[in-house]
Protein backbone atom coordinates (compact mmCIF):
# COMPACT_ATOMS: atom_id res chain seq x y z
CA MET A 1 222.58 -4.65 159.99
CA VAL A 2 221.42 -4.84 156.37
CA GLN A 3 217.97 -6.38 156.30
CA THR A 4 216.71 -7.92 153.08
CA SER A 5 213.63 -10.13 153.06
CA ALA A 6 212.19 -12.51 150.52
CA ASP A 7 209.73 -9.76 149.59
CA ASP A 8 212.65 -7.46 148.82
CA VAL A 9 214.07 -10.05 146.42
CA LEU A 10 210.71 -10.41 144.65
CA GLU A 11 210.36 -6.65 144.45
CA GLY A 12 213.88 -6.38 143.05
CA VAL A 13 213.00 -8.81 140.26
CA ALA A 14 209.73 -6.98 139.55
CA LYS A 15 211.61 -3.69 139.23
CA ASN A 16 214.37 -5.26 137.08
CA ILE A 17 217.01 -4.61 139.73
CA PHE A 18 217.87 -8.30 139.55
CA PRO A 19 217.16 -10.79 136.75
CA ARG A 20 214.69 -13.54 137.46
CA MET A 21 217.16 -16.20 136.31
CA LEU A 22 220.69 -16.53 137.70
CA TYR A 23 223.34 -19.04 136.67
CA LYS A 24 226.06 -21.05 138.39
CA TYR A 25 228.98 -22.16 136.20
CA ARG A 26 230.86 -25.31 137.25
CA ASP A 27 233.27 -27.83 135.80
CA PHE A 28 233.37 -31.60 136.30
CA GLY A 29 236.86 -31.58 137.80
CA ASP A 30 235.22 -32.56 141.07
CA LEU A 31 232.45 -34.73 139.67
CA THR A 32 231.30 -35.88 143.10
CA ARG A 33 230.80 -32.32 144.37
CA THR A 34 228.99 -31.25 141.21
CA LEU A 35 226.59 -34.16 141.52
CA GLU A 36 226.18 -33.43 145.24
CA ILE A 37 224.57 -30.10 144.30
CA ILE A 38 221.78 -32.11 142.70
CA LYS A 39 221.61 -34.86 145.31
CA THR A 40 221.52 -32.55 148.35
CA ALA A 41 219.94 -29.41 146.80
CA GLN A 42 222.75 -27.37 148.37
CA LEU A 43 225.17 -24.70 147.19
CA TYR A 44 228.32 -23.61 148.98
CA PHE A 45 228.75 -20.01 150.09
CA SER A 46 232.49 -19.39 150.13
CA THR A 47 234.57 -17.16 152.35
CA PRO A 48 236.27 -14.38 150.33
CA SER A 49 239.69 -15.72 151.35
CA HIS A 50 239.13 -18.55 148.83
CA PHE A 51 238.52 -16.25 145.84
CA ASN A 52 240.98 -16.33 142.94
CA ASP A 53 241.48 -12.55 142.83
CA PRO A 54 243.48 -11.16 145.80
CA LEU A 55 241.98 -7.70 145.20
CA ASP A 56 238.44 -9.06 145.45
CA CYS A 57 236.73 -8.15 148.76
CA ASN A 58 240.01 -6.57 149.83
CA LEU A 59 239.42 -2.88 149.21
CA SER A 60 241.23 -0.07 150.99
CA TRP A 61 239.64 1.75 153.89
CA ASP A 62 239.81 5.48 154.43
CA ASN A 63 242.23 6.35 157.25
CA GLN A 64 240.01 9.16 158.49
CA PHE A 65 237.27 8.30 160.96
CA GLY A 66 235.54 9.98 163.84
CA TRP A 67 234.30 9.24 167.32
CA THR A 68 231.21 7.44 165.97
CA ASP A 69 233.53 4.88 164.40
CA ILE A 70 235.55 4.51 167.59
CA LYS A 71 232.39 3.94 169.61
CA ALA A 72 231.32 1.28 167.13
CA LEU A 73 234.66 -0.45 167.64
CA MET A 74 234.20 -0.22 171.41
CA VAL A 75 230.88 -2.04 171.11
CA LYS A 76 232.48 -4.60 168.79
CA HIS A 77 235.26 -5.28 171.30
CA SER A 78 233.02 -4.98 174.40
CA PHE A 79 234.74 -1.86 175.73
CA GLU A 80 232.12 -0.10 177.89
CA ASP A 81 234.04 1.22 180.87
CA PRO A 82 234.06 5.07 180.89
CA GLN A 83 237.76 5.03 181.73
CA ILE A 84 238.40 2.87 178.63
CA GLU A 85 236.35 5.31 176.57
CA SER A 86 238.47 8.17 177.81
CA ALA A 87 241.65 6.22 177.13
CA LEU A 88 240.54 5.39 173.59
CA LYS A 89 239.82 9.03 172.91
CA GLN A 90 243.34 9.84 173.98
CA ILE A 91 244.78 6.99 171.91
CA ALA A 92 242.81 8.14 168.86
CA LYS A 93 244.33 11.57 169.32
CA ASP A 94 247.93 10.56 170.04
CA SER A 95 248.27 7.23 168.20
CA PRO A 96 245.53 6.93 165.54
CA GLU A 97 247.31 3.95 163.97
CA LEU A 98 246.32 1.82 166.97
CA ILE A 99 242.66 2.58 166.38
CA ARG A 100 243.10 1.89 162.68
CA ASN A 101 244.67 -1.47 163.53
CA MET A 102 241.67 -2.30 165.73
CA ARG A 103 239.34 -1.33 162.90
CA ASP A 104 241.28 -3.33 160.32
CA GLU A 105 241.28 -6.39 162.57
CA SER A 106 237.51 -6.15 163.00
CA ILE A 107 236.98 -5.78 159.27
CA ASN A 108 239.32 -8.64 158.37
CA THR A 109 237.66 -10.99 160.86
CA ALA A 110 234.21 -10.04 159.60
CA VAL A 111 235.10 -10.35 155.91
CA HIS A 112 236.44 -13.88 156.24
CA SER A 113 233.54 -15.12 158.34
CA LYS A 114 230.86 -14.24 155.77
CA GLY A 115 229.58 -16.38 152.91
CA LEU A 116 229.24 -15.36 149.26
CA LEU A 117 227.72 -17.25 146.35
CA SER A 118 228.82 -16.02 142.92
CA LEU A 119 226.19 -16.24 140.17
CA ALA A 120 226.00 -14.84 136.65
CA LYS A 121 223.23 -13.06 134.75
CA HIS A 122 223.77 -15.07 131.55
CA TYR A 123 224.44 -18.71 130.66
CA ASP A 124 225.89 -18.28 127.18
CA LYS A 125 229.06 -16.23 127.72
CA ILE A 126 232.05 -17.75 125.92
CA LEU A 127 234.61 -16.46 128.44
CA MET A 128 232.61 -17.83 131.37
CA TRP A 129 232.42 -21.27 129.79
CA SER A 130 236.16 -21.09 129.08
CA HIS A 131 237.23 -19.94 132.55
CA TYR A 132 234.77 -21.65 134.90
CA CYS A 133 233.67 -24.76 132.98
CA LYS A 134 237.07 -26.18 132.06
CA ASN A 135 237.12 -25.11 128.43
CA HIS A 136 233.41 -25.67 127.75
CA SER A 137 233.33 -29.20 129.18
CA GLY A 138 231.30 -28.31 132.28
CA ILE A 139 227.79 -27.42 133.34
CA VAL A 140 225.67 -24.38 134.17
CA PHE A 141 222.77 -24.49 136.64
CA GLY A 142 219.93 -22.05 135.95
CA PHE A 143 217.92 -20.84 138.98
CA ASP A 144 214.64 -18.93 139.10
CA ILE A 145 215.20 -16.81 142.21
CA THR A 146 211.48 -16.04 142.58
CA GLU A 147 210.95 -19.72 143.43
CA ASP A 148 213.17 -19.44 146.52
CA PRO A 149 213.63 -15.78 147.48
CA GLU A 150 214.77 -16.66 151.01
CA PHE A 151 217.76 -18.58 149.65
CA PHE A 152 218.67 -15.78 147.24
CA SER A 153 218.64 -13.11 149.92
CA ILE A 154 220.80 -10.94 150.20
CA PRO A 155 221.54 -10.32 146.49
CA MET A 156 224.15 -7.78 145.37
CA ASN A 157 224.79 -6.59 141.82
CA VAL A 158 228.56 -6.38 141.43
CA GLU A 159 229.82 -3.05 140.08
CA TYR A 160 232.95 -2.83 137.95
CA THR A 161 235.38 0.08 137.87
CA LYS A 162 239.04 0.93 137.25
CA GLU A 163 239.29 3.11 140.36
CA TYR A 164 237.40 3.55 143.61
CA THR A 165 237.36 5.82 146.63
CA PRO A 166 238.63 4.08 149.79
CA LEU A 167 235.70 2.89 151.84
CA LEU A 168 234.41 4.66 154.93
CA PHE A 169 233.87 2.61 158.04
CA SER A 170 231.19 5.00 159.33
CA GLY A 171 230.34 2.85 162.34
CA ASP A 172 228.18 0.36 160.40
CA LEU A 173 230.39 -2.65 159.74
CA ILE A 174 227.86 -4.74 157.77
CA LYS A 175 226.95 -1.85 155.50
CA ALA A 176 230.65 -1.27 154.87
CA LEU A 177 231.16 -4.96 154.13
CA ILE A 178 228.39 -4.95 151.52
CA SER A 179 230.27 -2.19 149.71
CA ASN A 180 233.48 -4.19 149.99
CA PHE A 181 231.82 -7.30 148.56
CA SER A 182 230.11 -5.67 145.58
CA LEU A 183 232.93 -3.76 143.85
CA LYS A 184 235.46 -5.33 141.44
CA HIS A 185 237.94 -4.20 138.83
CA LEU A 186 236.64 -3.50 135.32
CA ASP A 187 238.58 -6.48 133.93
CA TRP A 188 235.98 -8.76 135.56
CA SER A 189 232.96 -7.07 133.98
CA TYR A 190 232.42 -9.94 131.51
CA GLU A 191 231.14 -12.00 134.46
CA GLU A 192 228.07 -9.76 135.02
CA GLU A 193 228.01 -11.16 138.52
CA VAL A 194 225.32 -11.16 141.17
CA ARG A 195 226.48 -12.21 144.62
CA ILE A 196 224.31 -13.69 147.33
CA TYR A 197 225.42 -12.76 150.85
CA LYS A 198 225.04 -14.85 153.99
CA GLU A 199 226.16 -14.15 157.55
CA THR A 200 228.31 -17.30 157.61
CA PHE A 201 230.05 -19.38 154.95
CA GLY A 202 229.05 -22.98 154.29
CA LEU A 203 226.37 -25.07 152.60
CA TYR A 204 222.80 -23.77 152.24
CA ASN A 205 219.73 -25.61 150.93
CA PHE A 206 217.79 -24.32 147.94
CA LYS A 207 214.30 -25.38 146.88
CA LYS A 208 214.41 -27.93 144.10
CA SER A 209 211.70 -26.03 142.25
CA SER A 210 214.10 -23.11 141.78
CA LEU A 211 216.45 -25.19 139.56
CA LYS A 212 214.80 -24.81 136.15
CA GLU A 213 217.53 -25.31 133.56
CA ILE A 214 220.80 -27.17 133.14
CA PHE A 215 223.18 -26.33 130.29
CA PHE A 216 226.06 -28.50 129.10
CA GLY A 217 229.11 -27.23 127.23
CA CYS A 218 229.88 -28.08 123.64
CA LYS A 219 232.71 -30.32 124.92
CA THR A 220 230.87 -31.89 127.88
CA GLU A 221 231.28 -35.67 127.84
CA GLN A 222 228.11 -37.64 127.20
CA SER A 223 228.80 -39.77 130.27
CA ASN A 224 228.59 -36.66 132.49
CA ILE A 225 225.41 -35.53 130.77
CA ASP A 226 223.86 -38.94 131.41
CA LEU A 227 224.91 -38.86 135.08
CA VAL A 228 223.37 -35.42 135.64
CA LYS A 229 220.11 -36.42 133.97
CA LYS A 230 219.97 -39.61 136.03
CA GLU A 231 220.48 -37.75 139.32
CA CYS A 232 217.89 -35.10 138.44
CA LEU A 233 215.33 -37.78 137.68
CA ALA A 234 216.17 -39.71 140.84
CA HIS A 235 215.86 -36.64 143.08
CA GLY A 236 212.63 -35.18 141.76
CA TYR A 237 213.75 -32.18 139.69
CA ASN A 238 211.76 -30.81 136.76
CA VAL A 239 214.57 -29.44 134.63
CA ILE A 240 215.09 -28.49 130.98
CA PHE A 241 218.40 -29.78 129.59
CA LYS A 242 220.26 -28.01 126.80
CA LYS A 243 223.65 -28.53 125.17
CA ALA A 244 225.83 -25.89 123.55
CA LYS A 245 227.10 -25.93 120.00
CA ILE A 246 229.24 -23.44 118.11
CA ALA A 247 227.11 -21.13 115.97
CA PHE A 248 227.79 -21.21 112.24
CA GLY A 249 229.63 -18.11 111.04
CA ARG A 250 229.43 -16.32 114.41
CA PHE A 251 231.49 -16.12 117.61
CA GLU A 252 228.50 -17.32 119.63
CA LEU A 253 227.10 -20.37 121.35
CA GLU A 254 223.73 -21.87 120.52
CA PHE A 255 221.84 -24.27 122.78
CA GLU A 256 219.65 -27.17 121.78
CA ASP A 257 217.49 -29.53 123.84
CA CYS A 258 219.34 -32.70 124.73
């Protein structure tokens, strides 16, 4: 089991492994749900099966594995009888595909039971506003992870690459899953993503003090801005509000207090 404590998160920020501020991009397509984030101080950790990229969290696994891996699968499937152990050894020798199927089933079940929260390292990326905030009409929540290190544990910096070596099971399923969750194709590198891992998917509460900033897109409707401000005031947040505008003579966004 991968163990990461609140102290590990704070140490990671101190050593610049993770940025202090992380950002959640959202649109107002589901206005109720977006406002619920503020009202309930909760964010949803999604199962990977809901991600928009079918390659994401769906890496290949090396077909070679040893007895350590088989024993790990026995524990996973509650096979402890010595006769079963002997039979599995024989199956692994004569029909390795059956053991691989058992492994793949365990991995698939584990992958889709976990929860992941996708956050970004920056709030001002044009592509992010275009893709995740409905053409710059949405909102970005800015969180200081040092204010709530328990919530932001376990963080994973996503790595981006064109190719990868198939993953090794190596008997430690959770460690293998972390590798599976933190590697994406190079095309996604513009996201500069940090993922927060939980043992189960669903809603988790964050401390209100960790929400420090809210950014609105250059095309966000004033009515939505007013609603967000109203809810933040009503629910005791101390937040800085900024709105984007297109920079003069540059392909950049600038943000002003609003």
